[in-house]
Amino acid sequence: MDIARAKELLSGLADGIDPLTGKLLPGDSVCNQAEIVRALHTVLSALPSVAKKEKLPPLNAAVDGCCFLPIHGIW
């Protein structure tokens, strides 16, 4: 599963919606508990930075055909 899909599913749960059916979760669902909603939103706010890191090239990737390796993460 990719990060975008995981974020979509968690966002639905955080909004009180079953992400698979689109229906509202029952009022007594654990996903509607305040602490769980806050936890889901905390994780969701961290996901964009995770997604950005996934798109970065590996540190030993060649740049423009060059074979030099980065030194301390600087190209």
C-alpha atoms as a PDB file:
ATOM      1  CA  MET A   1       0.000   0.000   0.000  1.00  0.00           C
ATOM      2  CA  ASP A   2       1.313   3.425  -0.855  1.00  0.00           C
ATOM      3  CA  ILE A   3       1.309   6.429   1.462  1.00  0.00           C
ATOM      4  CA  ALA A   4      -1.384   8.279  -0.508  1.00  0.00           C
ATOM      5  CA  ARG A   5      -3.863   5.394  -0.102  1.00  0.00           C
ATOM      6  CA  ALA A   6      -3.030   4.981   3.583  1.00  0.00           C
ATOM      7  CA  LYS A   7      -3.591   8.705   4.103  1.00  0.00           C
ATOM      8  CA  GLU A   8      -6.929   8.493   2.304  1.00  0.00           C
ATOM      9  CA  LEU A   9      -8.100   5.621   4.531  1.00  0.00           C
ATOM     10  CA  LEU A  10      -6.945   7.249   7.760  1.00  0.00           C
ATOM     11  CA  SER A  11      -8.478  10.571   6.772  1.00  0.00           C
ATOM     12  CA  GLY A  12     -11.860   8.922   6.331  1.00  0.00           C
ATOM     13  CA  LEU A  13     -11.628   7.301   9.745  1.00  0.00           C
ATOM     14  CA  ALA A  14     -10.567  10.592  11.336  1.00  0.00           C
ATOM     15  CA  ASP A  15     -13.638  12.226   9.792  1.00  0.00           C
ATOM     16  CA  GLY A  16     -15.933   9.533  11.197  1.00  0.00           C
ATOM     17  CA  ILE A  17     -16.502   7.865   7.829  1.00  0.00           C
ATOM     18  CA  ASP A  18     -15.937   4.240   6.863  1.00  0.00           C
ATOM     19  CA  PRO A  19     -13.421   4.765   4.045  1.00  0.00           C
ATOM     20  CA  LEU A  20     -14.448   1.531   2.332  1.00  0.00           C
ATOM     21  CA  THR A  21     -18.189   2.199   2.203  1.00  0.00           C
ATOM     22  CA  GLY A  22     -18.418   6.000   2.541  1.00  0.00           C
ATOM     23  CA  LYS A  23     -20.992   5.596   5.313  1.00  0.00           C
ATOM     24  CA  LEU A  24     -20.815   7.359   8.662  1.00  0.00           C
ATOM     25  CA  LEU A  25     -19.308   5.304  11.444  1.00  0.00           C
ATOM     26  CA  PRO A  26     -21.620   4.537  14.373  1.00  0.00           C
ATOM     27  CA  GLY A  27     -21.479   7.155  17.109  1.00  0.00           C
ATOM     28  CA  ASP A  28     -20.042   4.627  19.554  1.00  0.00           C
ATOM     29  CA  SER A  29     -17.244   3.555  17.171  1.00  0.00           C
ATOM     30  CA  VAL A  30     -13.757   3.657  18.644  1.00  0.00           C
ATOM     31  CA  CYS A  31     -12.765   5.894  15.717  1.00  0.00           C
ATOM     32  CA  ASN A  32     -15.155   8.550  17.006  1.00  0.00           C
ATOM     33  CA  GLN A  33     -13.449   8.730  20.415  1.00  0.00           C
ATOM     34  CA  ALA A  34     -11.707  12.080  20.901  1.00  0.00           C
ATOM     35  CA  GLU A  35      -8.296  10.587  21.713  1.00  0.00           C
ATOM     36  CA  ILE A  36      -8.398   8.326  18.640  1.00  0.00           C
ATOM     37  CA  VAL A  37      -9.449  11.204  16.367  1.00  0.00           C
ATOM     38  CA  ARG A  38      -6.535  13.293  17.698  1.00  0.00           C
ATOM     39  CA  ALA A  39      -4.134  10.377  17.144  1.00  0.00           C
ATOM     40  CA  LEU A  40      -5.321   9.922  13.559  1.00  0.00           C
ATOM     41  CA  HIS A  41      -4.918  13.626  12.821  1.00  0.00           C
ATOM     42  CA  THR A  42      -1.431  13.586  14.378  1.00  0.00           C
ATOM     43  CA  VAL A  43      -0.391  10.729  12.108  1.00  0.00           C
ATOM     44  CA  LEU A  44      -2.006  12.378   9.080  1.00  0.00           C
ATOM     45  CA  SER A  45      -0.091  15.589   9.708  1.00  0.00           C
ATOM     46  CA  ALA A  46       3.167  13.615   9.693  1.00  0.00           C
ATOM     47  CA  LEU A  47       2.419  11.754   6.456  1.00  0.00           C
ATOM     48  CA  PRO A  48       3.217  14.531   3.964  1.00  0.00           C
ATOM     49  CA  SER A  49       6.804  14.649   5.229  1.00  0.00           C
ATOM     50  CA  VAL A  50       7.028  10.869   4.933  1.00  0.00           C
ATOM     51  CA  ALA A  51       5.672  11.002   1.385  1.00  0.00           C
ATOM     52  CA  LYS A  52       8.218  13.661   0.391  1.00  0.00           C
ATOM     53  CA  LYS A  53      11.074  11.563   1.753  1.00  0.00           C
ATOM     54  CA  GLU A  54       9.935   8.568  -0.293  1.00  0.00           C
ATOM     55  CA  LYS A  55      10.299  10.546  -3.516  1.00  0.00           C
ATOM     56  CA  LEU A  56      13.920  11.510  -2.885  1.00  0.00           C
ATOM     57  CA  PRO A  57      16.566   9.616  -4.855  1.00  0.00           C
ATOM     58  CA  PRO A  58      18.799   7.240  -2.922  1.00  0.00           C
ATOM     59  CA  LEU A  59      21.917   8.886  -1.521  1.00  0.00           C
ATOM     60  CA  ASN A  60      24.134   6.858  -3.848  1.00  0.00           C
ATOM     61  CA  ALA A  61      22.103   7.645  -6.977  1.00  0.00           C
ATOM     62  CA  ALA A  62      23.980   9.083  -9.929  1.00  0.00           C
ATOM     63  CA  VAL A  63      23.109  12.667 -10.860  1.00  0.00           C
ATOM     64  CA  ASP A  64      23.080  13.621 -14.550  1.00  0.00           C
ATOM     65  CA  GLY A  65      25.160  10.565 -15.389  1.00  0.00           C
ATOM     66  CA  CYS A  66      27.759  11.421 -12.772  1.00  0.00           C
ATOM     67  CA  CYS A  67      29.076   8.660 -10.596  1.00  0.00           C
ATOM     68  CA  PHE A  68      30.082  10.804  -7.611  1.00  0.00           C
ATOM     69  CA  LEU A  69      28.579   9.925  -4.270  1.00  0.00           C
ATOM     70  CA  PRO A  70      27.231  12.605  -1.960  1.00  0.00           C
ATOM     71  CA  ILE A  71      29.380  13.622   0.962  1.00  0.00           C
ATOM     72  CA  HIS A  72      27.356  14.071   4.124  1.00  0.00           C
ATOM     73  CA  GLY A  73      24.157  14.260   2.056  1.00  0.00           C
ATOM     74  CA  ILE A  74      25.395  17.195  -0.066  1.00  0.00           C
ATOM     75  CA  TRP A  75      25.702  16.741  -3.853  1.00  0.00           C
END
